[in-house]
Amino acid sequence: MSNQYVRTMDAGERTDYIIDETVYQSNDGTFANSTTSAIVQDWNYTANTLTVTNIVGVFANNKYVIGETSNTRYMIQTYDPLNVNVKN
């Protein structure tokens, strides 16, 4: 299974993404109108690194990545679609 790394920056009060949660980006903040979605594999708050799989669409910089269940919101600082690793 290939993973993509999404680098994020703090958007305020700490909240955490949930493993296996769907995350998304949307112009209006709703999942129903999401332009990108993925599944959380790992969230490292200290390093501000979100690891996701099953990406549909393309993550955009300077937009929030929203947790569908947790409602966690962090803005992408950088996104590297070429940084692919294999999770065993």
N, C-alpha and C. Protein backbone atom coordinates (compact mmCIF):
# COMPACT_ATOMS: atom_id res chain seq x y z
N MET A 1 0.85 -1.17 0.00
CA MET A 1 0.00 0.00 0.00
C MET A 1 0.90 1.23 0.00
N SER A 2 0.71 2.12 -0.92
CA SER A 2 1.56 3.32 -0.97
C SER A 2 0.96 4.43 -0.13
N ASN A 3 1.82 5.20 0.48
CA ASN A 3 1.41 6.30 1.35
C ASN A 3 1.87 7.62 0.76
N GLN A 4 1.11 8.64 0.97
CA GLN A 4 1.49 9.99 0.59
C GLN A 4 1.67 10.78 1.88
N TYR A 5 2.64 11.67 1.89
CA TYR A 5 2.88 12.49 3.07
C TYR A 5 2.38 13.89 2.83
N VAL A 6 1.58 14.36 3.75
CA VAL A 6 1.04 15.71 3.69
C VAL A 6 1.61 16.46 4.88
N ARG A 7 2.35 17.51 4.61
CA ARG A 7 2.95 18.32 5.67
C ARG A 7 1.97 19.43 6.00
N THR A 8 1.67 19.60 7.27
CA THR A 8 0.67 20.58 7.67
C THR A 8 1.25 21.58 8.65
N MET A 9 0.50 22.65 8.88
CA MET A 9 0.90 23.60 9.91
C MET A 9 -0.25 23.79 10.87
N ASP A 10 0.08 24.16 12.08
CA ASP A 10 -0.90 24.32 13.14
C ASP A 10 -1.91 25.40 12.80
N ALA A 11 -3.17 25.10 13.00
CA ALA A 11 -4.23 26.06 12.71
C ALA A 11 -4.86 26.60 13.99
N GLY A 12 -4.25 26.32 15.14
CA GLY A 12 -4.82 26.80 16.39
C GLY A 12 -4.79 25.73 17.46
N GLU A 13 -5.89 25.57 18.17
CA GLU A 13 -6.00 24.61 19.26
C GLU A 13 -5.74 23.19 18.76
N ARG A 14 -5.00 22.42 19.54
CA ARG A 14 -4.65 21.07 19.12
C ARG A 14 -5.86 20.14 19.12
N THR A 15 -6.04 19.49 18.00
CA THR A 15 -6.95 18.37 17.87
C THR A 15 -6.22 17.33 17.04
N ASP A 16 -6.68 16.10 17.07
CA ASP A 16 -5.96 15.03 16.39
C ASP A 16 -6.84 14.32 15.37
N TYR A 17 -6.24 14.00 14.22
CA TYR A 17 -6.89 13.13 13.26
C TYR A 17 -6.95 11.72 13.85
N ILE A 18 -7.90 10.93 13.41
CA ILE A 18 -8.10 9.57 13.88
C ILE A 18 -7.60 8.61 12.80
N ILE A 19 -6.85 7.57 13.22
CA ILE A 19 -6.38 6.57 12.27
C ILE A 19 -7.58 5.93 11.57
N ASP A 20 -7.50 5.76 10.27
CA ASP A 20 -8.54 5.21 9.39
C ASP A 20 -9.69 6.18 9.14
N GLU A 21 -9.57 7.40 9.62
CA GLU A 21 -10.58 8.43 9.36
C GLU A 21 -10.41 8.96 7.94
N THR A 22 -11.51 9.32 7.31
CA THR A 22 -11.45 10.00 6.02
C THR A 22 -11.16 11.47 6.26
N VAL A 23 -10.20 12.00 5.51
CA VAL A 23 -9.91 13.44 5.53
C VAL A 23 -10.19 13.97 4.14
N TYR A 24 -10.49 15.26 4.06
CA TYR A 24 -10.87 15.84 2.77
C TYR A 24 -10.56 17.31 2.70
N GLN A 25 -10.58 17.84 1.49
CA GLN A 25 -10.54 19.28 1.24
C GLN A 25 -11.81 19.63 0.48
N SER A 26 -12.35 20.80 0.79
CA SER A 26 -13.60 21.22 0.17
C SER A 26 -13.66 22.73 0.16
N ASN A 27 -14.20 23.30 -0.91
CA ASN A 27 -14.32 24.75 -0.99
C ASN A 27 -15.31 25.31 0.02
N ASP A 28 -16.32 24.51 0.39
CA ASP A 28 -17.31 25.00 1.35
C ASP A 28 -17.22 24.31 2.72
N GLY A 29 -16.20 23.46 2.92
CA GLY A 29 -15.98 22.82 4.21
C GLY A 29 -16.84 21.60 4.47
N THR A 30 -17.56 21.12 3.46
CA THR A 30 -18.41 19.94 3.64
C THR A 30 -17.83 18.75 2.88
N PHE A 31 -18.01 17.56 3.44
CA PHE A 31 -17.54 16.36 2.78
C PHE A 31 -18.31 16.11 1.48
N ALA A 32 -19.59 16.45 1.48
CA ALA A 32 -20.42 16.24 0.29
C ALA A 32 -19.86 16.94 -0.93
N ASN A 33 -19.18 18.05 -0.73
CA ASN A 33 -18.61 18.82 -1.85
C ASN A 33 -17.09 18.75 -1.87
N SER A 34 -16.54 17.65 -1.35
CA SER A 34 -15.08 17.54 -1.27
C SER A 34 -14.46 17.43 -2.67
N THR A 35 -13.29 18.03 -2.80
CA THR A 35 -12.54 17.97 -4.05
C THR A 35 -11.41 16.96 -3.97
N THR A 36 -11.02 16.60 -2.75
CA THR A 36 -9.96 15.63 -2.48
C THR A 36 -10.31 14.89 -1.21
N SER A 37 -10.01 13.59 -1.17
CA SER A 37 -10.21 12.81 0.06
C SER A 37 -9.14 11.74 0.15
N ALA A 38 -8.93 11.24 1.37
CA ALA A 38 -7.93 10.20 1.62
C ALA A 38 -8.23 9.57 2.98
N ILE A 39 -7.51 8.51 3.29
CA ILE A 39 -7.66 7.80 4.57
C ILE A 39 -6.40 8.01 5.40
N VAL A 40 -6.58 8.40 6.67
CA VAL A 40 -5.45 8.64 7.58
C VAL A 40 -4.79 7.32 7.96
N GLN A 41 -3.47 7.25 7.75
CA GLN A 41 -2.67 6.11 8.20
C GLN A 41 -1.86 6.47 9.44
N ASP A 42 -1.42 7.73 9.53
CA ASP A 42 -0.64 8.18 10.68
C ASP A 42 -0.75 9.69 10.79
N TRP A 43 -0.77 10.18 12.03
CA TRP A 43 -0.78 11.61 12.30
C TRP A 43 0.24 11.87 13.39
N ASN A 44 1.27 12.64 13.07
CA ASN A 44 2.31 12.99 14.03
C ASN A 44 2.20 14.48 14.31
N TYR A 45 1.55 14.80 15.42
CA TYR A 45 1.31 16.20 15.77
C TYR A 45 2.63 16.96 15.97
N THR A 46 3.59 16.32 16.63
CA THR A 46 4.86 16.98 16.92
C THR A 46 5.59 17.36 15.64
N ALA A 47 5.60 16.47 14.66
CA ALA A 47 6.28 16.74 13.39
C ALA A 47 5.35 17.41 12.38
N ASN A 48 4.07 17.55 12.74
CA ASN A 48 3.07 18.12 11.82
C ASN A 48 3.04 17.37 10.49
N THR A 49 3.05 16.04 10.57
CA THR A 49 3.04 15.23 9.36
C THR A 49 1.84 14.28 9.38
N LEU A 50 1.08 14.34 8.33
CA LEU A 50 -0.08 13.47 8.14
C LEU A 50 0.23 12.51 7.02
N THR A 51 0.09 11.21 7.29
CA THR A 51 0.32 10.18 6.28
C THR A 51 -1.04 9.61 5.88
N VAL A 52 -1.31 9.62 4.58
CA VAL A 52 -2.62 9.17 4.09
C VAL A 52 -2.46 8.21 2.92
N THR A 53 -3.51 7.43 2.67
CA THR A 53 -3.56 6.51 1.54
C THR A 53 -4.91 6.69 0.83
N ASN A 54 -5.06 5.98 -0.26
CA ASN A 54 -6.33 5.97 -1.01
C ASN A 54 -6.76 7.39 -1.39
N ILE A 55 -5.84 8.14 -1.93
CA ILE A 55 -6.10 9.54 -2.27
C ILE A 55 -6.94 9.62 -3.54
N VAL A 56 -7.99 10.41 -3.45
CA VAL A 56 -8.83 10.71 -4.60
C VAL A 56 -8.74 12.22 -4.81
N GLY A 57 -8.26 12.66 -5.96
CA GLY A 57 -8.05 14.08 -6.22
C GLY A 57 -6.62 14.47 -5.92
N VAL A 58 -6.39 15.78 -5.83
CA VAL A 58 -5.05 16.32 -5.57
C VAL A 58 -5.15 17.33 -4.44
N PHE A 59 -4.35 17.13 -3.39
CA PHE A 59 -4.34 18.08 -2.29
C PHE A 59 -3.76 19.42 -2.75
N ALA A 60 -4.34 20.50 -2.26
CA ALA A 60 -3.91 21.84 -2.62
C ALA A 60 -3.29 22.52 -1.40
N ASN A 61 -2.18 23.23 -1.61
CA ASN A 61 -1.57 24.01 -0.54
C ASN A 61 -2.50 25.15 -0.13
N ASN A 62 -2.33 25.60 1.10
CA ASN A 62 -3.10 26.72 1.66
C ASN A 62 -4.59 26.46 1.74
N LYS A 63 -4.96 25.18 1.89
CA LYS A 63 -6.35 24.79 2.12
C LYS A 63 -6.36 23.82 3.29
N TYR A 64 -7.44 23.84 4.06
CA TYR A 64 -7.56 22.95 5.21
C TYR A 64 -7.79 21.51 4.78
N VAL A 65 -7.18 20.58 5.53
CA VAL A 65 -7.48 19.16 5.45
C VAL A 65 -8.35 18.87 6.66
N ILE A 66 -9.58 18.43 6.42
CA ILE A 66 -10.59 18.30 7.47
C ILE A 66 -10.84 16.82 7.75
N GLY A 67 -10.86 16.45 9.03
CA GLY A 67 -11.20 15.09 9.44
C GLY A 67 -12.71 14.94 9.47
N GLU A 68 -13.23 13.95 8.73
CA GLU A 68 -14.68 13.78 8.64
C GLU A 68 -15.31 13.45 9.99
N THR A 69 -14.64 12.64 10.80
CA THR A 69 -15.17 12.26 12.12
C THR A 69 -14.73 13.22 13.21
N SER A 70 -13.44 13.54 13.26
CA SER A 70 -12.88 14.36 14.34
C SER A 70 -13.10 15.85 14.13
N ASN A 71 -13.38 16.25 12.90
CA ASN A 71 -13.50 17.65 12.51
C ASN A 71 -12.19 18.43 12.74
N THR A 72 -11.08 17.68 12.84
CA THR A 72 -9.76 18.29 12.95
C THR A 72 -9.46 19.05 11.67
N ARG A 73 -8.87 20.23 11.79
CA ARG A 73 -8.56 21.05 10.62
C ARG A 73 -7.17 21.64 10.75
N TYR A 74 -6.33 21.27 9.80
CA TYR A 74 -5.01 21.86 9.69
C TYR A 74 -4.81 22.26 8.23
N MET A 75 -4.09 23.35 8.03
CA MET A 75 -3.84 23.83 6.68
C MET A 75 -2.56 23.21 6.15
N ILE A 76 -2.58 22.78 4.90
CA ILE A 76 -1.39 22.22 4.28
C ILE A 76 -0.37 23.33 4.06
N GLN A 77 0.82 23.04 4.50
CA GLN A 77 1.94 23.94 4.25
C GLN A 77 2.66 23.48 2.99
N THR A 78 2.97 22.19 2.92
CA THR A 78 3.55 21.61 1.72
C THR A 78 2.96 20.23 1.50
N TYR A 79 2.92 19.82 0.26
CA TYR A 79 2.41 18.50 -0.10
C TYR A 79 3.34 17.94 -1.15
N ASP A 80 3.86 16.75 -0.89
CA ASP A 80 4.80 16.14 -1.83
C ASP A 80 4.23 14.82 -2.33
N PRO A 81 3.57 14.84 -3.50
CA PRO A 81 3.00 13.61 -4.03
C PRO A 81 4.05 12.61 -4.50
N LEU A 82 5.30 13.03 -4.59
CA LEU A 82 6.35 12.12 -5.02
C LEU A 82 7.01 11.41 -3.85
N ASN A 83 6.71 11.78 -2.63
CA ASN A 83 7.28 11.16 -1.45
C ASN A 83 6.44 9.94 -1.09
N VAL A 84 6.70 8.83 -1.76
CA VAL A 84 5.90 7.62 -1.60
C VAL A 84 6.72 6.56 -0.90
N ASN A 85 6.13 5.95 0.12
CA ASN A 85 6.76 4.84 0.85
C ASN A 85 5.79 3.67 0.88
N VAL A 86 6.29 2.52 1.27
CA VAL A 86 5.44 1.35 1.40
C VAL A 86 5.29 1.02 2.88
N LYS A 87 4.06 0.87 3.31
CA LYS A 87 3.77 0.51 4.71
C LYS A 87 3.53 -0.98 4.77
N ASN A 88 4.28 -1.66 5.62
CA ASN A 88 4.12 -3.12 5.75
C ASN A 88 3.14 -3.46 6.83
